[in-house]
């Protein structure tokens, strides 16, 4: 299953402006992570992000949001719900095309939902 997730997420993490792509469970435990930057450069942000997953999913579902985004200097973090218990997180530099990222994410979310059996 991890190899299938990796294959589905490859169009996103193959972009050189993407620093990290991760699929987290609601409790903050990563299911899949691909990091395209020095770990020391993003370690603090990853630690913070893992602590926010449960609260962000709660906010996304209770407010019926399609995503949540944060900005840390020149880095953007986008969080997209995949199912009731999974969230796709992407850390991108400012040079990443948001249009291309959104198209890739919509395709990947649908495929990941099917993979994990989510109909919502």
N, C-alpha and C. Protein backbone atom coordinates (compact mmCIF):
# COMPACT_ATOMS: atom_id res chain seq x y z
N UNK A 1 0.81 -1.19 0.00
CA UNK A 1 0.00 0.00 0.00
C UNK A 1 0.86 1.26 0.00
N UNK A 2 1.98 1.25 0.73
CA UNK A 2 2.87 2.41 0.77
C UNK A 2 3.44 2.69 -0.62
N UNK A 3 3.78 1.65 -1.36
CA UNK A 3 4.31 1.86 -2.72
C UNK A 3 3.24 2.47 -3.62
N UNK A 4 1.99 2.09 -3.43
CA UNK A 4 0.89 2.68 -4.21
C UNK A 4 0.69 4.15 -3.84
N UNK A 5 0.78 4.46 -2.55
CA UNK A 5 0.68 5.85 -2.11
C UNK A 5 1.82 6.67 -2.69
N UNK A 6 3.02 6.13 -2.65
CA UNK A 6 4.18 6.81 -3.22
C UNK A 6 3.98 7.09 -4.70
N UNK A 7 3.48 6.12 -5.43
CA UNK A 7 3.22 6.28 -6.86
C UNK A 7 2.16 7.36 -7.10
N UNK A 8 1.11 7.37 -6.31
CA UNK A 8 0.06 8.38 -6.47
C UNK A 8 0.56 9.79 -6.17
N UNK A 9 1.45 9.92 -5.18
CA UNK A 9 1.94 11.23 -4.78
C UNK A 9 3.13 11.72 -5.60
N UNK A 10 3.70 10.87 -6.43
CA UNK A 10 4.90 11.24 -7.19
C UNK A 10 4.72 12.47 -8.08
N UNK A 11 3.56 12.73 -8.71
CA UNK A 11 3.45 13.96 -9.49
C UNK A 11 3.62 15.23 -8.64
N UNK A 12 3.29 15.13 -7.36
CA UNK A 12 3.43 16.29 -6.48
C UNK A 12 4.87 16.43 -6.01
N UNK A 13 5.45 15.36 -5.46
CA UNK A 13 6.79 15.51 -4.89
C UNK A 13 7.90 15.55 -5.93
N UNK A 14 7.57 15.31 -7.20
CA UNK A 14 8.61 15.42 -8.24
C UNK A 14 8.88 16.88 -8.61
N UNK A 15 8.02 17.80 -8.21
CA UNK A 15 8.24 19.22 -8.45
C UNK A 15 9.39 19.70 -7.55
N UNK A 16 10.42 20.34 -8.11
CA UNK A 16 11.57 20.75 -7.29
C UNK A 16 11.24 21.80 -6.23
N UNK A 17 10.12 22.50 -6.36
CA UNK A 17 9.73 23.50 -5.37
C UNK A 17 8.98 22.92 -4.19
N UNK A 18 8.67 21.63 -4.24
CA UNK A 18 7.97 20.96 -3.14
C UNK A 18 9.01 20.46 -2.15
N UNK A 19 8.94 20.93 -0.93
CA UNK A 19 9.91 20.54 0.09
C UNK A 19 9.51 19.26 0.81
N UNK A 20 8.19 19.01 0.92
CA UNK A 20 7.73 17.84 1.64
C UNK A 20 6.31 17.52 1.23
N UNK A 21 6.04 16.23 1.11
CA UNK A 21 4.68 15.71 0.92
C UNK A 21 4.49 14.63 1.97
N UNK A 22 3.40 14.71 2.72
CA UNK A 22 3.16 13.71 3.76
C UNK A 22 1.69 13.37 3.84
N UNK A 23 1.43 12.14 4.17
CA UNK A 23 0.08 11.68 4.45
C UNK A 23 0.07 11.30 5.92
N UNK A 24 -0.74 12.01 6.72
CA UNK A 24 -0.79 11.80 8.16
C UNK A 24 -2.12 11.20 8.59
N UNK A 25 -2.07 10.38 9.62
CA UNK A 25 -3.30 9.96 10.30
C UNK A 25 -3.77 11.11 11.16
N UNK A 26 -5.01 11.03 11.60
CA UNK A 26 -5.60 12.11 12.40
C UNK A 26 -4.84 12.37 13.70
N UNK A 27 -4.15 11.35 14.24
CA UNK A 27 -3.41 11.52 15.48
C UNK A 27 -2.00 12.09 15.27
N UNK A 28 -1.68 12.44 14.03
CA UNK A 28 -0.38 13.05 13.74
C UNK A 28 0.70 12.07 13.34
N UNK A 29 0.40 10.79 13.30
CA UNK A 29 1.38 9.78 12.91
C UNK A 29 1.47 9.75 11.39
N UNK A 30 2.69 9.90 10.85
CA UNK A 30 2.82 9.87 9.39
C UNK A 30 2.65 8.46 8.82
N UNK A 31 1.90 8.37 7.75
CA UNK A 31 1.74 7.13 7.00
C UNK A 31 2.77 7.09 5.88
N UNK A 32 3.04 8.26 5.29
CA UNK A 32 4.00 8.39 4.19
C UNK A 32 4.60 9.79 4.25
N UNK A 33 5.90 9.89 4.07
CA UNK A 33 6.57 11.20 3.98
C UNK A 33 7.64 11.12 2.91
N UNK A 34 7.69 12.14 2.08
CA UNK A 34 8.76 12.31 1.11
C UNK A 34 9.29 13.72 1.32
N UNK A 35 10.56 13.84 1.67
CA UNK A 35 11.18 15.13 1.95
C UNK A 35 12.20 15.43 0.86
N UNK A 36 12.07 16.62 0.27
CA UNK A 36 12.98 17.06 -0.80
C UNK A 36 13.83 18.25 -0.36
N UNK A 37 14.14 18.32 0.91
CA UNK A 37 14.94 19.42 1.45
C UNK A 37 15.78 18.85 2.59
N UNK A 38 16.83 19.56 2.97
CA UNK A 38 17.61 19.09 4.13
C UNK A 38 16.71 18.99 5.36
N UNK A 39 16.78 17.88 6.05
CA UNK A 39 15.89 17.64 7.20
C UNK A 39 16.05 18.70 8.28
N UNK A 40 17.26 19.17 8.50
CA UNK A 40 17.45 20.19 9.53
C UNK A 40 16.76 21.50 9.16
N UNK A 41 16.55 21.72 7.87
CA UNK A 41 15.89 22.93 7.40
C UNK A 41 14.40 22.93 7.73
N UNK A 42 13.79 21.76 7.77
CA UNK A 42 12.34 21.70 7.98
C UNK A 42 11.92 20.91 9.22
N UNK A 43 12.87 20.46 10.02
CA UNK A 43 12.55 19.61 11.18
C UNK A 43 11.60 20.30 12.15
N UNK A 44 11.84 21.54 12.48
CA UNK A 44 10.98 22.26 13.41
C UNK A 44 9.56 22.41 12.89
N UNK A 45 9.44 22.68 11.61
CA UNK A 45 8.12 22.83 11.00
C UNK A 45 7.39 21.49 10.98
N UNK A 46 8.10 20.42 10.68
CA UNK A 46 7.48 19.09 10.69
C UNK A 46 6.99 18.71 12.08
N UNK A 47 7.77 19.01 13.09
CA UNK A 47 7.38 18.72 14.47
C UNK A 47 6.09 19.49 14.81
N UNK A 48 6.04 20.77 14.46
CA UNK A 48 4.85 21.58 14.71
C UNK A 48 3.65 21.02 13.95
N UNK A 49 3.87 20.67 12.69
CA UNK A 49 2.79 20.18 11.83
C UNK A 49 2.17 18.90 12.39
N UNK A 50 2.98 17.97 12.83
CA UNK A 50 2.46 16.72 13.38
C UNK A 50 1.59 16.96 14.61
N UNK A 51 1.87 18.01 15.35
CA UNK A 51 1.05 18.35 16.51
C UNK A 51 -0.26 19.02 16.14
N UNK A 52 -0.37 19.52 14.93
CA UNK A 52 -1.56 20.26 14.50
C UNK A 52 -2.58 19.43 13.73
N UNK A 53 -2.22 18.24 13.32
CA UNK A 53 -3.06 17.45 12.42
C UNK A 53 -4.47 17.24 12.98
N UNK A 54 -4.58 16.78 14.21
CA UNK A 54 -5.90 16.47 14.77
C UNK A 54 -6.77 17.73 14.84
N UNK A 55 -6.23 18.82 15.34
CA UNK A 55 -6.99 20.06 15.43
C UNK A 55 -7.39 20.58 14.05
N UNK A 56 -6.48 20.49 13.09
CA UNK A 56 -6.79 21.00 11.75
C UNK A 56 -7.87 20.15 11.08
N UNK A 57 -7.81 18.83 11.23
CA UNK A 57 -8.87 18.00 10.66
C UNK A 57 -10.22 18.32 11.31
N UNK A 58 -10.22 18.56 12.61
CA UNK A 58 -11.44 18.94 13.31
C UNK A 58 -12.00 20.23 12.70
N UNK A 59 -11.15 21.23 12.52
CA UNK A 59 -11.59 22.51 11.95
C UNK A 59 -12.06 22.35 10.50
N UNK A 60 -11.31 21.58 9.73
CA UNK A 60 -11.67 21.38 8.32
C UNK A 60 -13.05 20.72 8.21
N UNK A 61 -13.29 19.67 8.97
CA UNK A 61 -14.56 18.96 8.86
C UNK A 61 -15.72 19.73 9.49
N UNK A 62 -15.50 20.37 10.63
CA UNK A 62 -16.60 21.10 11.28
C UNK A 62 -16.97 22.38 10.56
N UNK A 63 -16.04 22.96 9.86
CA UNK A 63 -16.33 24.19 9.10
C UNK A 63 -16.51 23.90 7.61
N UNK A 64 -16.48 22.62 7.25
CA UNK A 64 -16.66 22.18 5.87
C UNK A 64 -15.66 22.86 4.92
N UNK A 65 -14.39 22.87 5.32
CA UNK A 65 -13.33 23.47 4.51
C UNK A 65 -12.72 22.42 3.59
N UNK A 66 -12.23 22.84 2.44
CA UNK A 66 -11.58 21.92 1.53
C UNK A 66 -10.07 21.85 1.78
N UNK A 67 -9.54 22.81 2.54
CA UNK A 67 -8.12 22.83 2.86
C UNK A 67 -7.84 23.84 3.95
N UNK A 68 -6.64 23.77 4.51
CA UNK A 68 -6.13 24.77 5.43
C UNK A 68 -4.71 25.08 4.98
N UNK A 69 -4.33 26.35 5.03
CA UNK A 69 -2.99 26.74 4.58
C UNK A 69 -2.33 27.64 5.61
N UNK A 70 -1.01 27.53 5.68
CA UNK A 70 -0.20 28.35 6.56
C UNK A 70 0.99 28.86 5.77
N UNK A 71 1.55 29.96 6.23
CA UNK A 71 2.75 30.51 5.61
C UNK A 71 3.79 30.75 6.69
N UNK A 72 4.99 30.22 6.46
CA UNK A 72 6.13 30.44 7.34
C UNK A 72 7.24 31.04 6.48
N UNK A 73 7.39 32.34 6.50
CA UNK A 73 8.39 32.99 5.66
C UNK A 73 8.11 32.73 4.19
N UNK A 74 9.03 32.08 3.50
CA UNK A 74 8.84 31.80 2.07
C UNK A 74 8.32 30.38 1.82
N UNK A 75 7.81 29.73 2.85
CA UNK A 75 7.29 28.37 2.73
C UNK A 75 5.79 28.38 3.03
N UNK A 76 5.05 27.66 2.21
CA UNK A 76 3.61 27.51 2.42
C UNK A 76 3.34 26.05 2.80
N UNK A 77 2.43 25.86 3.73
CA UNK A 77 2.00 24.51 4.10
C UNK A 77 0.52 24.42 3.81
N UNK A 78 0.15 23.41 3.04
CA UNK A 78 -1.24 23.17 2.68
C UNK A 78 -1.65 21.83 3.26
N UNK A 79 -2.84 21.79 3.83
CA UNK A 79 -3.37 20.55 4.39
C UNK A 79 -4.73 20.28 3.76
N UNK A 80 -4.86 19.07 3.19
CA UNK A 80 -6.08 18.68 2.49
C UNK A 80 -6.61 17.39 3.11
N UNK A 81 -7.89 17.37 3.51
CA UNK A 81 -8.44 16.12 4.03
C UNK A 81 -8.59 15.10 2.90
N UNK A 82 -8.20 13.87 3.17
CA UNK A 82 -8.35 12.77 2.21
C UNK A 82 -9.51 11.89 2.62
N UNK A 83 -9.66 11.70 3.92
CA UNK A 83 -10.76 10.91 4.49
C UNK A 83 -11.03 11.48 5.87
N UNK A 84 -11.87 10.82 6.63
CA UNK A 84 -12.16 11.28 8.00
C UNK A 84 -10.97 11.11 8.92
N UNK A 85 -9.98 10.32 8.52
CA UNK A 85 -8.84 10.06 9.40
C UNK A 85 -7.48 10.33 8.76
N UNK A 86 -7.45 10.81 7.53
CA UNK A 86 -6.18 11.08 6.84
C UNK A 86 -6.15 12.50 6.29
N UNK A 87 -4.98 13.10 6.34
CA UNK A 87 -4.78 14.43 5.77
C UNK A 87 -3.49 14.44 4.96
N UNK A 88 -3.57 15.06 3.79
CA UNK A 88 -2.41 15.23 2.92
C UNK A 88 -1.81 16.59 3.21
N UNK A 89 -0.53 16.62 3.55
CA UNK A 89 0.17 17.86 3.86
C UNK A 89 1.27 18.08 2.85
N UNK A 90 1.35 19.31 2.38
CA UNK A 90 2.36 19.66 1.37
C UNK A 90 3.06 20.93 1.82
N UNK A 91 4.39 20.89 1.84
CA UNK A 91 5.20 22.06 2.14
C UNK A 91 5.84 22.50 0.83
N UNK A 92 5.54 23.74 0.42
CA UNK A 92 6.00 24.21 -0.88
C UNK A 92 6.67 25.57 -0.75
N UNK A 93 7.67 25.80 -1.59
CA UNK A 93 8.27 27.13 -1.66
C UNK A 93 7.36 28.03 -2.49
N UNK A 94 7.61 29.32 -2.44
CA UNK A 94 6.75 30.28 -3.14
C UNK A 94 6.77 30.14 -4.66
N UNK A 95 7.82 29.55 -5.20
CA UNK A 95 7.93 29.45 -6.65
C UNK A 95 7.04 28.38 -7.27
N UNK A 96 6.41 27.53 -6.45
CA UNK A 96 5.56 26.46 -6.95
C UNK A 96 4.28 27.07 -7.55
N UNK A 97 3.91 26.58 -8.71
CA UNK A 97 2.67 27.01 -9.36
C UNK A 97 1.48 26.48 -8.56
N UNK A 98 0.70 27.39 -8.01
CA UNK A 98 -0.47 26.97 -7.23
C UNK A 98 -1.51 26.29 -8.10
N UNK A 99 -1.63 26.72 -9.34
CA UNK A 99 -2.61 26.11 -10.24
C UNK A 99 -2.26 24.63 -10.47
N UNK A 100 -1.00 24.37 -10.81
CA UNK A 100 -0.57 22.99 -11.04
C UNK A 100 -0.71 22.16 -9.77
N UNK A 101 -0.34 22.75 -8.63
CA UNK A 101 -0.45 22.03 -7.36
C UNK A 101 -1.90 21.67 -7.07
N UNK A 102 -2.82 22.59 -7.26
CA UNK A 102 -4.24 22.33 -7.00
C UNK A 102 -4.78 21.22 -7.91
N UNK A 103 -4.40 21.25 -9.18
CA UNK A 103 -4.85 20.21 -10.11
C UNK A 103 -4.31 18.85 -9.67
N UNK A 104 -3.03 18.80 -9.35
CA UNK A 104 -2.42 17.54 -8.89
C UNK A 104 -3.07 17.05 -7.60
N UNK A 105 -3.32 17.94 -6.66
CA UNK A 105 -3.91 17.56 -5.38
C UNK A 105 -5.32 17.01 -5.56
N UNK A 106 -6.14 17.65 -6.39
CA UNK A 106 -7.50 17.17 -6.59
C UNK A 106 -7.51 15.75 -7.16
N UNK A 107 -6.63 15.49 -8.09
CA UNK A 107 -6.52 14.16 -8.68
C UNK A 107 -6.05 13.13 -7.64
N UNK A 108 -5.02 13.50 -6.90
CA UNK A 108 -4.44 12.60 -5.90
C UNK A 108 -5.42 12.32 -4.77
N UNK A 109 -6.12 13.35 -4.29
CA UNK A 109 -7.09 13.15 -3.21
C UNK A 109 -8.15 12.14 -3.58
N UNK A 110 -8.65 12.24 -4.78
CA UNK A 110 -9.69 11.30 -5.23
C UNK A 110 -9.14 9.88 -5.27
N UNK A 111 -7.94 9.71 -5.83
CA UNK A 111 -7.33 8.39 -5.94
C UNK A 111 -6.98 7.81 -4.56
N UNK A 112 -6.47 8.65 -3.64
CA UNK A 112 -6.17 8.20 -2.30
C UNK A 112 -7.45 7.80 -1.57
N UNK A 113 -8.51 8.57 -1.76
CA UNK A 113 -9.81 8.22 -1.15
C UNK A 113 -10.28 6.86 -1.58
N UNK A 114 -10.15 6.57 -2.87
CA UNK A 114 -10.53 5.25 -3.39
C UNK A 114 -9.64 4.17 -2.78
N UNK A 115 -8.34 4.44 -2.70
CA UNK A 115 -7.39 3.48 -2.16
C UNK A 115 -7.72 3.10 -0.71
N UNK A 116 -8.12 4.08 0.10
CA UNK A 116 -8.40 3.80 1.51
C UNK A 116 -9.88 3.50 1.76
N UNK A 117 -10.67 3.47 0.68
CA UNK A 117 -12.08 3.10 0.82
C UNK A 117 -12.98 4.18 1.34
N UNK A 118 -12.62 5.45 1.11
CA UNK A 118 -13.42 6.59 1.58
C UNK A 118 -14.36 7.04 0.47
N UNK A 119 -15.63 7.13 0.76
CA UNK A 119 -16.63 7.51 -0.23
C UNK A 119 -17.04 8.96 -0.14
N UNK A 120 -16.68 9.67 0.95
CA UNK A 120 -17.15 11.02 1.24
C UNK A 120 -16.69 12.00 0.26
